[in-house]
Amino acid sequence: MIAFENVGYSYGGGELLSGISLHLAPGSFHFLTGPSGAGKTTFLKLCYAELLPSSGRLTLFDHEVRGLDRDGVAELRREIGVVHQDCQFLDHLPIAANVALPLTVAGREPDVADLSDLLAWVGLRPMADALPPQLSGGERQRAAVARAVIMSPQLIIADEPTGNLDWDMSLRLLTLLVELNRMGKTVIVATHDMNLIRAAKAQVSARVLRIQNRRVQLAGADL
């Protein structure tokens, strides 16, 4: 699904990532760790073609990303859902409309029943008509997950999704990501929280990727 072949990325004249060679298989679950500033967000942006490699070859869904035009990248991203730590919403639209926004942008009419089921899955059906400022941090993150998966993507990328949440809400969000993986989705989660990774071992077979000295490597066996 994602293949890095000696990939590097340079920023501001310096190399942030270098010599990355790894393959993330369909249906896999990976955690991405590393110190602040090591390049976790940069690596994730490469995974959804927000950034292009400075060197090497990166293949997403059998497409070499540097060979894609703007339309090709847009088509590729329909297969990828992204959840950010600081998730942004349109504050004048209710949560249901915010969650459905990717469909709206794509010119597709949301199915009311499907949207209701999706909100129920993340525990937000009672909040469908609420505006984003009325939601707690955990509710916003669950809404972000719903928005990320409404297009039925193959790949889910979450960048520090639990960074602003308490432990109970972090576990609840992790459970949603695990359920997506059990549905056959590939999941990549960047996190500093080793306790979260340890908690995952009871739910999912996961691998840990660690960024160190500009390289991304498998940190060990299945959790």
C-alpha atoms as a PDB file:
ATOM      1  CA  MET A   1       0.000   0.000   0.000  1.00  0.00           C
ATOM      2  CA  ILE A   2       2.785   2.435   0.962  1.00  0.00           C
ATOM      3  CA  ALA A   3       6.319   1.760  -0.200  1.00  0.00           C
ATOM      4  CA  PHE A   4       9.309   3.958   0.651  1.00  0.00           C
ATOM      5  CA  GLU A   5      12.453   3.284  -1.360  1.00  0.00           C
ATOM      6  CA  ASN A   6      15.450   5.251  -0.055  1.00  0.00           C
ATOM      7  CA  VAL A   7      13.203   8.275   0.480  1.00  0.00           C
ATOM      8  CA  GLY A   8      14.559  11.544   1.821  1.00  0.00           C
ATOM      9  CA  TYR A   9      12.985  14.898   2.563  1.00  0.00           C
ATOM     10  CA  SER A  10      14.855  18.183   2.898  1.00  0.00           C
ATOM     11  CA  TYR A  11      13.545  21.365   4.462  1.00  0.00           C
ATOM     12  CA  GLY A  12      15.210  24.775   4.667  1.00  0.00           C
ATOM     13  CA  GLY A  13      18.403  23.483   3.157  1.00  0.00           C
ATOM     14  CA  GLY A  14      18.781  20.636   5.655  1.00  0.00           C
ATOM     15  CA  GLU A  15      17.782  16.977   5.413  1.00  0.00           C
ATOM     16  CA  LEU A  16      14.991  16.162   7.886  1.00  0.00           C
ATOM     17  CA  LEU A  17      14.449  12.542   6.792  1.00  0.00           C
ATOM     18  CA  SER A  18      16.819  10.347   4.819  1.00  0.00           C
ATOM     19  CA  GLY A  19      17.278   6.819   3.536  1.00  0.00           C
ATOM     20  CA  ILE A  20      13.791   5.594   4.439  1.00  0.00           C
ATOM     21  CA  SER A  21      13.028   2.162   3.000  1.00  0.00           C
ATOM     22  CA  LEU A  22       9.980   0.343   4.328  1.00  0.00           C
ATOM     23  CA  HIS A  23       6.653  -1.118   3.239  1.00  0.00           C
ATOM     24  CA  LEU A  24       3.333  -0.676   5.027  1.00  0.00           C
ATOM     25  CA  ALA A  25       0.993  -3.476   4.012  1.00  0.00           C
ATOM     26  CA  PRO A  26      -2.761  -3.164   3.475  1.00  0.00           C
ATOM     27  CA  GLY A  27      -4.663  -3.769   6.703  1.00  0.00           C
ATOM     28  CA  SER A  28      -1.668  -3.129   8.951  1.00  0.00           C
ATOM     29  CA  PHE A  29      -1.632  -1.001  12.100  1.00  0.00           C
ATOM     30  CA  HIS A  30       1.435   1.104  12.839  1.00  0.00           C
ATOM     31  CA  PHE A  31       2.365   3.520  15.590  1.00  0.00           C
ATOM     32  CA  LEU A  32       4.921   6.218  14.770  1.00  0.00           C
ATOM     33  CA  THR A  33       7.118   7.468  17.611  1.00  0.00           C
ATOM     34  CA  GLY A  34      10.075   9.767  18.038  1.00  0.00           C
ATOM     35  CA  PRO A  35      11.097  12.953  19.842  1.00  0.00           C
ATOM     36  CA  SER A  36       9.491  16.314  19.076  1.00  0.00           C
ATOM     37  CA  GLY A  37      10.967  17.811  15.934  1.00  0.00           C
ATOM     38  CA  ALA A  38      12.177  14.456  14.639  1.00  0.00           C
ATOM     39  CA  GLY A  39       9.884  14.590  11.610  1.00  0.00           C
ATOM     40  CA  LYS A  40       6.782  12.577  12.549  1.00  0.00           C
ATOM     41  CA  THR A  41       4.356  15.021  10.961  1.00  0.00           C
ATOM     42  CA  THR A  42       6.599  15.298   7.896  1.00  0.00           C
ATOM     43  CA  PHE A  43       6.581  11.509   7.514  1.00  0.00           C
ATOM     44  CA  LEU A  44       2.792  11.439   7.768  1.00  0.00           C
ATOM     45  CA  LYS A  45       2.470  14.228   5.201  1.00  0.00           C
ATOM     46  CA  LEU A  46       4.560  12.141   2.826  1.00  0.00           C
ATOM     47  CA  CYS A  47       2.131   9.272   3.430  1.00  0.00           C
ATOM     48  CA  TYR A  48      -0.812  11.346   2.187  1.00  0.00           C
ATOM     49  CA  ALA A  49       1.091  13.260  -0.512  1.00  0.00           C
ATOM     50  CA  GLU A  50       0.845  16.627   1.211  1.00  0.00           C
ATOM     51  CA  LEU A  51       4.626  16.659   0.765  1.00  0.00           C
ATOM     52  CA  LEU A  52       6.667  15.012  -1.985  1.00  0.00           C
ATOM     53  CA  PRO A  53      10.025  13.315  -1.411  1.00  0.00           C
ATOM     54  CA  SER A  54      13.198  15.271  -2.121  1.00  0.00           C
ATOM     55  CA  SER A  55      14.857  12.012  -3.105  1.00  0.00           C
ATOM     56  CA  GLY A  56      14.028   8.342  -3.565  1.00  0.00           C
ATOM     57  CA  ARG A  57      10.767   6.752  -4.638  1.00  0.00           C
ATOM     58  CA  LEU A  58       7.467   6.793  -2.744  1.00  0.00           C
ATOM     59  CA  THR A  59       4.555   4.690  -3.958  1.00  0.00           C
ATOM     60  CA  LEU A  60       0.994   5.031  -2.639  1.00  0.00           C
ATOM     61  CA  PHE A  61      -1.660   2.595  -3.854  1.00  0.00           C
ATOM     62  CA  ASP A  62       0.667   1.535  -6.710  1.00  0.00           C
ATOM     63  CA  HIS A  63       1.155   5.147  -7.854  1.00  0.00           C
ATOM     64  CA  GLU A  64       4.548   6.856  -7.709  1.00  0.00           C
ATOM     65  CA  VAL A  65       3.628  10.169  -6.107  1.00  0.00           C
ATOM     66  CA  ARG A  66       6.083  12.363  -7.995  1.00  0.00           C
ATOM     67  CA  GLY A  67       4.481  11.240 -11.247  1.00  0.00           C
ATOM     68  CA  LEU A  68       1.007  12.442 -10.270  1.00  0.00           C
ATOM     69  CA  ASP A  69      -0.548  15.720 -11.369  1.00  0.00           C
ATOM     70  CA  ARG A  70      -2.871  17.760  -9.138  1.00  0.00           C
ATOM     71  CA  ASP A  71      -5.935  15.749 -10.159  1.00  0.00           C
ATOM     72  CA  GLY A  72      -4.060  12.524  -9.540  1.00  0.00           C
ATOM     73  CA  VAL A  73      -3.101  13.612  -6.023  1.00  0.00           C
ATOM     74  CA  ALA A  74      -6.700  14.665  -5.322  1.00  0.00           C
ATOM     75  CA  GLU A  75      -7.971  11.264  -6.470  1.00  0.00           C
ATOM     76  CA  LEU A  76      -5.371   9.520  -4.325  1.00  0.00           C
ATOM     77  CA  ARG A  77      -6.383  11.453  -1.221  1.00  0.00           C
ATOM     78  CA  ARG A  78      -9.939  10.198  -1.484  1.00  0.00           C
ATOM     79  CA  GLU A  79      -8.504   6.886  -0.285  1.00  0.00           C
ATOM     80  CA  ILE A  80      -6.912   8.529   2.770  1.00  0.00           C
ATOM     81  CA  GLY A  81      -8.545   9.936   5.896  1.00  0.00           C
ATOM     82  CA  VAL A  82      -6.490  12.208   8.149  1.00  0.00           C
ATOM     83  CA  VAL A  83      -7.118  13.072  11.807  1.00  0.00           C
ATOM     84  CA  HIS A  84      -5.065  15.955  13.209  1.00  0.00           C
ATOM     85  CA  GLN A  85      -4.383  16.710  16.865  1.00  0.00           C
ATOM     86  CA  ASP A  86      -5.772  20.216  16.445  1.00  0.00           C
ATOM     87  CA  CYS A  87      -8.779  19.320  14.319  1.00  0.00           C
ATOM     88  CA  GLN A  88     -10.439  22.259  12.579  1.00  0.00           C
ATOM     89  CA  PHE A  89     -14.144  22.635  11.846  1.00  0.00           C
ATOM     90  CA  LEU A  90     -16.391  25.265  10.327  1.00  0.00           C
ATOM     91  CA  ASP A  91     -17.888  26.746  13.455  1.00  0.00           C
ATOM     92  CA  HIS A  92     -21.046  28.015  11.743  1.00  0.00           C
ATOM     93  CA  LEU A  93     -22.026  24.524  10.559  1.00  0.00           C
ATOM     94  CA  PRO A  94     -23.482  21.786  12.803  1.00  0.00           C
ATOM     95  CA  ILE A  95     -21.360  18.724  13.469  1.00  0.00           C
ATOM     96  CA  ALA A  96     -23.342  16.569  11.024  1.00  0.00           C
ATOM     97  CA  ALA A  97     -22.583  19.010   8.196  1.00  0.00           C
ATOM     98  CA  ASN A  98     -18.908  19.227   9.208  1.00  0.00           C
ATOM     99  CA  VAL A  99     -18.583  15.443   9.192  1.00  0.00           C
ATOM    100  CA  ALA A 100     -20.265  15.265   5.772  1.00  0.00           C
ATOM    101  CA  LEU A 101     -18.090  18.046   4.318  1.00  0.00           C
ATOM    102  CA  PRO A 102     -15.729  15.734   2.358  1.00  0.00           C
ATOM    103  CA  LEU A 103     -18.753  14.296   0.532  1.00  0.00           C
ATOM    104  CA  THR A 104     -20.108  17.790  -0.126  1.00  0.00           C
ATOM    105  CA  VAL A 105     -16.774  18.957  -1.544  1.00  0.00           C
ATOM    106  CA  ALA A 106     -16.706  15.887  -3.781  1.00  0.00           C
ATOM    107  CA  GLY A 107     -20.169  16.779  -5.104  1.00  0.00           C
ATOM    108  CA  ARG A 108     -21.887  13.848  -3.429  1.00  0.00           C
ATOM    109  CA  GLU A 109     -25.083  14.075  -1.405  1.00  0.00           C
ATOM    110  CA  PRO A 110     -24.701  12.546   2.068  1.00  0.00           C
ATOM    111  CA  ASP A 111     -27.088   9.697   2.834  1.00  0.00           C
ATOM    112  CA  VAL A 112     -28.983  10.773   5.935  1.00  0.00           C
ATOM    113  CA  ALA A 113     -29.227   7.273   7.396  1.00  0.00           C
ATOM    114  CA  ASP A 114     -25.551   6.503   6.756  1.00  0.00           C
ATOM    115  CA  LEU A 115     -24.494   9.805   8.304  1.00  0.00           C
ATOM    116  CA  SER A 116     -26.651   9.128  11.358  1.00  0.00           C
ATOM    117  CA  ASP A 117     -25.137   5.648  11.720  1.00  0.00           C
ATOM    118  CA  LEU A 118     -21.631   7.091  11.460  1.00  0.00           C
ATOM    119  CA  LEU A 119     -22.345   9.665  14.163  1.00  0.00           C
ATOM    120  CA  ALA A 120     -23.789   6.904  16.337  1.00  0.00           C
ATOM    121  CA  TRP A 121     -20.622   4.844  15.818  1.00  0.00           C
ATOM    122  CA  VAL A 122     -18.467   7.641  17.253  1.00  0.00           C
ATOM    123  CA  GLY A 123     -21.037   8.341  19.979  1.00  0.00           C
ATOM    124  CA  LEU A 124     -22.144  11.719  18.634  1.00  0.00           C
ATOM    125  CA  ARG A 125     -25.636  11.147  17.257  1.00  0.00           C
ATOM    126  CA  PRO A 126     -27.174  13.327  20.031  1.00  0.00           C
ATOM    127  CA  MET A 127     -24.732  16.108  19.036  1.00  0.00           C
ATOM    128  CA  ALA A 128     -25.564  16.070  15.317  1.00  0.00           C
ATOM    129  CA  ASP A 129     -27.078  19.569  15.397  1.00  0.00           C
ATOM    130  CA  ALA A 130     -24.551  21.067  17.814  1.00  0.00           C
ATOM    131  CA  LEU A 131     -21.988  23.594  16.637  1.00  0.00           C
ATOM    132  CA  PRO A 132     -18.286  22.734  17.007  1.00  0.00           C
ATOM    133  CA  PRO A 133     -17.621  25.218  19.862  1.00  0.00           C
ATOM    134  CA  GLN A 134     -20.183  23.311  21.944  1.00  0.00           C
ATOM    135  CA  LEU A 135     -18.154  20.083  21.819  1.00  0.00           C
ATOM    136  CA  SER A 136     -15.516  18.910  24.271  1.00  0.00           C
ATOM    137  CA  GLY A 137     -12.022  18.031  23.108  1.00  0.00           C
ATOM    138  CA  GLY A 138     -12.836  14.327  23.021  1.00  0.00           C
ATOM    139  CA  GLU A 139     -16.051  14.909  21.109  1.00  0.00           C
ATOM    140  CA  ARG A 140     -14.185  17.022  18.556  1.00  0.00           C
ATOM    141  CA  GLN A 141     -11.632  14.262  18.034  1.00  0.00           C
ATOM    142  CA  ARG A 142     -14.365  11.657  17.565  1.00  0.00           C
ATOM    143  CA  ALA A 143     -16.057  13.974  15.067  1.00  0.00           C
ATOM    144  CA  ALA A 144     -12.712  14.266  13.290  1.00  0.00           C
ATOM    145  CA  VAL A 145     -12.516  10.476  13.033  1.00  0.00           C
ATOM    146  CA  ALA A 146     -16.034  10.368  11.571  1.00  0.00           C
ATOM    147  CA  ARG A 147     -15.121  13.038   9.022  1.00  0.00           C
ATOM    148  CA  ALA A 148     -11.927  11.181   8.120  1.00  0.00           C
ATOM    149  CA  VAL A 149     -13.756   7.935   7.333  1.00  0.00           C
ATOM    150  CA  ILE A 150     -16.935   9.217   5.670  1.00  0.00           C
ATOM    151  CA  MET A 151     -15.440   8.660   2.197  1.00  0.00           C
ATOM    152  CA  SER A 152     -14.621   5.026   3.144  1.00  0.00           C
ATOM    153  CA  PRO A 153     -10.858   5.477   2.692  1.00  0.00           C
ATOM    154  CA  GLN A 154      -8.419   2.569   2.706  1.00  0.00           C
ATOM    155  CA  LEU A 155      -5.870   4.387   4.869  1.00  0.00           C
ATOM    156  CA  ILE A 156      -6.417   6.280   8.147  1.00  0.00           C
ATOM    157  CA  ILE A 157      -3.639   8.577   9.383  1.00  0.00           C
ATOM    158  CA  ALA A 158      -3.851  10.132  12.853  1.00  0.00           C
ATOM    159  CA  ASP A 159      -1.277  12.714  13.984  1.00  0.00           C
ATOM    160  CA  GLU A 160      -1.105  12.811  17.807  1.00  0.00           C
ATOM    161  CA  PRO A 161      -4.902  12.378  18.013  1.00  0.00           C
ATOM    162  CA  THR A 162      -4.895  11.878  21.793  1.00  0.00           C
ATOM    163  CA  GLY A 163      -2.387  14.604  22.671  1.00  0.00           C
ATOM    164  CA  ASN A 164      -5.027  16.877  24.227  1.00  0.00           C
ATOM    165  CA  LEU A 165      -7.238  14.160  25.722  1.00  0.00           C
ATOM    166  CA  ASP A 166      -7.443  12.506  29.117  1.00  0.00           C
ATOM    167  CA  TRP A 167      -6.686   8.811  29.457  1.00  0.00           C
ATOM    168  CA  ASP A 168     -10.271   7.533  29.296  1.00  0.00           C
ATOM    169  CA  MET A 169     -11.004   9.530  26.146  1.00  0.00           C
ATOM    170  CA  SER A 170      -7.684   8.454  24.625  1.00  0.00           C
ATOM    171  CA  LEU A 171      -8.691   4.814  25.081  1.00  0.00           C
ATOM    172  CA  ARG A 172     -12.093   5.502  23.543  1.00  0.00           C
ATOM    173  CA  LEU A 173     -10.476   7.062  20.493  1.00  0.00           C
ATOM    174  CA  LEU A 174      -8.013   4.182  20.256  1.00  0.00           C
ATOM    175  CA  THR A 175     -10.940   1.742  20.257  1.00  0.00           C
ATOM    176  CA  LEU A 176     -12.419   3.522  17.217  1.00  0.00           C
ATOM    177  CA  LEU A 177      -9.096   3.259  15.371  1.00  0.00           C
ATOM    178  CA  VAL A 178      -8.797  -0.420  16.270  1.00  0.00           C
ATOM    179  CA  GLU A 179     -12.318  -1.058  14.980  1.00  0.00           C
ATOM    180  CA  LEU A 180     -11.384   0.623  11.688  1.00  0.00           C
ATOM    181  CA  ASN A 181      -8.365  -1.645  11.417  1.00  0.00           C
ATOM    182  CA  ARG A 182     -10.546  -4.692  12.027  1.00  0.00           C
ATOM    183  CA  MET A 183     -12.676  -3.504   9.105  1.00  0.00           C
ATOM    184  CA  GLY A 184      -9.590  -3.873   6.931  1.00  0.00           C
ATOM    185  CA  LYS A 185      -8.357  -0.283   7.030  1.00  0.00           C
ATOM    186  CA  THR A 186      -4.667   0.494   7.251  1.00  0.00           C
ATOM    187  CA  VAL A 187      -3.999   2.729  10.268  1.00  0.00           C
ATOM    188  CA  ILE A 188      -0.978   4.878  11.130  1.00  0.00           C
ATOM    189  CA  VAL A 189      -0.961   6.728  14.460  1.00  0.00           C
ATOM    190  CA  ALA A 190       1.760   9.156  15.523  1.00  0.00           C
ATOM    191  CA  THR A 191       2.012   9.396  19.294  1.00  0.00           C
ATOM    192  CA  HIS A 192       4.343  10.216  22.175  1.00  0.00           C
ATOM    193  CA  ASP A 193       2.221   8.121  24.519  1.00  0.00           C
ATOM    194  CA  MET A 194       3.869   4.759  25.122  1.00  0.00           C
ATOM    195  CA  ASN A 195       1.050   3.804  27.496  1.00  0.00           C
ATOM    196  CA  LEU A 196      -1.372   4.135  24.599  1.00  0.00           C
ATOM    197  CA  ILE A 197       0.779   1.799  22.520  1.00  0.00           C
ATOM    198  CA  ARG A 198       0.916  -0.705  25.386  1.00  0.00           C
ATOM    199  CA  ALA A 199      -2.861  -0.508  25.767  1.00  0.00           C
ATOM    200  CA  ALA A 200      -3.271  -1.328  22.097  1.00  0.00           C
ATOM    201  CA  LYS A 201      -1.588  -4.718  22.421  1.00  0.00           C
ATOM    202  CA  ALA A 202      -4.733  -6.224  23.943  1.00  0.00           C
ATOM    203  CA  GLN A 203      -6.786  -5.109  20.948  1.00  0.00           C
ATOM    204  CA  VAL A 204      -4.708  -5.210  17.790  1.00  0.00           C
ATOM    205  CA  SER A 205      -1.540  -6.585  16.239  1.00  0.00           C
ATOM    206  CA  ALA A 206       0.537  -3.444  15.789  1.00  0.00           C
ATOM    207  CA  ARG A 207       4.044  -2.453  14.813  1.00  0.00           C
ATOM    208  CA  VAL A 208       6.019   0.515  16.057  1.00  0.00           C
ATOM    209  CA  LEU A 209       7.957   2.773  13.719  1.00  0.00           C
ATOM    210  CA  ARG A 210      10.584   4.976  15.362  1.00  0.00           C
ATOM    211  CA  ILE A 211      12.179   8.081  13.872  1.00  0.00           C
ATOM    212  CA  GLN A 212      15.774   8.428  14.972  1.00  0.00           C
ATOM    213  CA  ASN A 213      18.726  10.163  13.334  1.00  0.00           C
ATOM    214  CA  ARG A 214      16.567  11.164  10.325  1.00  0.00           C
ATOM    215  CA  ARG A 215      15.589   7.550   9.620  1.00  0.00           C
ATOM    216  CA  VAL A 216      12.362   5.622  10.167  1.00  0.00           C
ATOM    217  CA  GLN A 217      12.791   2.044  11.317  1.00  0.00           C
ATOM    218  CA  LEU A 218      10.713  -0.754  12.783  1.00  0.00           C
ATOM    219  CA  ALA A 219      11.222  -0.620  16.525  1.00  0.00           C
ATOM    220  CA  GLY A 220      10.358  -4.226  17.307  1.00  0.00           C
ATOM    221  CA  ALA A 221       8.077  -7.185  16.961  1.00  0.00           C
ATOM    222  CA  ASP A 222       4.303  -7.225  17.134  1.00  0.00           C
ATOM    223  CA  LEU A 223       2.938  -5.688  20.319  1.00  0.00           C
END
